[in-house]
């Protein structure tokens, strides 16, 4: 995925944006499933906002795990 993404950013940013309806890439927003965006952002000196999204189930488990351990419900026996 690195090469196609790099080529996409390069092609967009090399086009004459004054005559194109496509604006240049000025920021990349990606998540943990897209780590290939990091080197591309660095190569083109574009800010990259990288985040990791938890699923609702994971967030719920994280918030309640201490109570479940204290209540003896986990670890399962």
Protein backbone atom coordinates (compact mmCIF):
# COMPACT_ATOMS: atom_id res chain seq x y z
CA UNK A 1 0.00 0.00 0.00
CA UNK A 2 2.97 2.31 0.49
CA UNK A 3 3.80 2.78 -3.19
CA UNK A 4 0.23 3.44 -4.39
CA UNK A 5 -0.37 5.92 -1.57
CA UNK A 6 2.95 7.67 -2.21
CA UNK A 7 2.12 7.94 -5.91
CA UNK A 8 -1.33 9.32 -5.16
CA UNK A 9 0.01 12.06 -2.87
CA UNK A 10 2.81 12.85 -5.30
CA UNK A 11 0.46 13.10 -8.28
CA UNK A 12 -2.02 15.27 -6.43
CA UNK A 13 0.63 17.65 -5.14
CA UNK A 14 2.51 17.89 -8.44
CA UNK A 15 -0.58 18.96 -10.38
CA UNK A 16 -1.08 22.65 -10.94
CA UNK A 17 -3.69 23.28 -8.26
CA UNK A 18 -4.65 26.61 -9.82
CA UNK A 19 -6.08 24.86 -12.87
CA UNK A 20 -7.22 21.74 -11.03
CA UNK A 21 -10.30 21.26 -8.90
CA UNK A 22 -8.30 18.99 -6.60
CA UNK A 23 -6.54 20.86 -3.79
CA UNK A 24 -3.09 19.75 -2.66
CA UNK A 25 -2.65 17.32 0.21
CA UNK A 26 -1.85 19.45 3.26
CA UNK A 27 -2.55 16.95 6.06
CA UNK A 28 -2.95 13.20 6.34
CA UNK A 29 -5.30 11.67 8.90
CA UNK A 30 -4.84 7.95 9.42
CA UNK A 31 -5.34 5.22 11.98
CA UNK A 32 -3.47 2.15 13.17
CA UNK A 33 -4.58 0.15 10.12
CA UNK A 34 -2.74 2.58 7.86
CA UNK A 35 0.84 2.88 9.18
CA UNK A 36 2.15 3.30 5.63
CA UNK A 37 0.96 6.91 5.73
CA UNK A 38 3.70 7.86 8.21
CA UNK A 39 6.72 7.58 5.88
CA UNK A 40 4.79 9.23 3.03
CA UNK A 41 3.87 12.17 5.24
CA UNK A 42 7.49 12.50 6.33
CA UNK A 43 8.76 12.27 2.75
CA UNK A 44 6.51 15.09 1.55
CA UNK A 45 6.76 17.09 4.78
CA UNK A 46 3.01 16.85 5.35
CA UNK A 47 1.58 16.73 8.88
CA UNK A 48 0.18 13.31 9.77
CA UNK A 49 -2.42 12.89 12.48
CA UNK A 50 -2.21 9.26 13.55
CA UNK A 51 -4.75 7.83 15.95
CA UNK A 52 -5.88 4.51 17.29
CA UNK A 53 -9.60 3.92 17.58
CA UNK A 54 -10.91 1.51 20.17
CA UNK A 55 -14.10 -0.37 19.50
CA UNK A 56 -16.95 0.31 21.92
CA UNK A 57 -16.55 -3.18 23.39
CA UNK A 58 -12.86 -2.59 24.08
CA UNK A 59 -13.57 0.75 25.71
CA UNK A 60 -16.25 -0.80 27.91
CA UNK A 61 -13.91 -3.60 28.97
CA UNK A 62 -11.17 -1.09 29.75
CA UNK A 63 -13.53 0.97 31.90
CA UNK A 64 -14.95 -2.01 33.81
CA UNK A 65 -12.03 -4.44 34.13
CA UNK A 66 -10.98 -3.27 37.59
CA UNK A 67 -14.49 -3.73 39.00
CA UNK A 68 -14.78 -7.17 37.44
CA UNK A 69 -11.47 -8.26 38.98
CA UNK A 70 -12.44 -6.82 42.38
CA UNK A 71 -15.75 -8.68 42.23
CA UNK A 72 -13.95 -11.93 41.41
CA UNK A 73 -15.74 -12.31 38.09
CA UNK A 74 -12.45 -12.48 36.21
CA UNK A 75 -10.21 -14.29 35.66
CA UNK A 76 -12.69 -16.99 34.75
CA UNK A 77 -12.43 -20.16 36.80
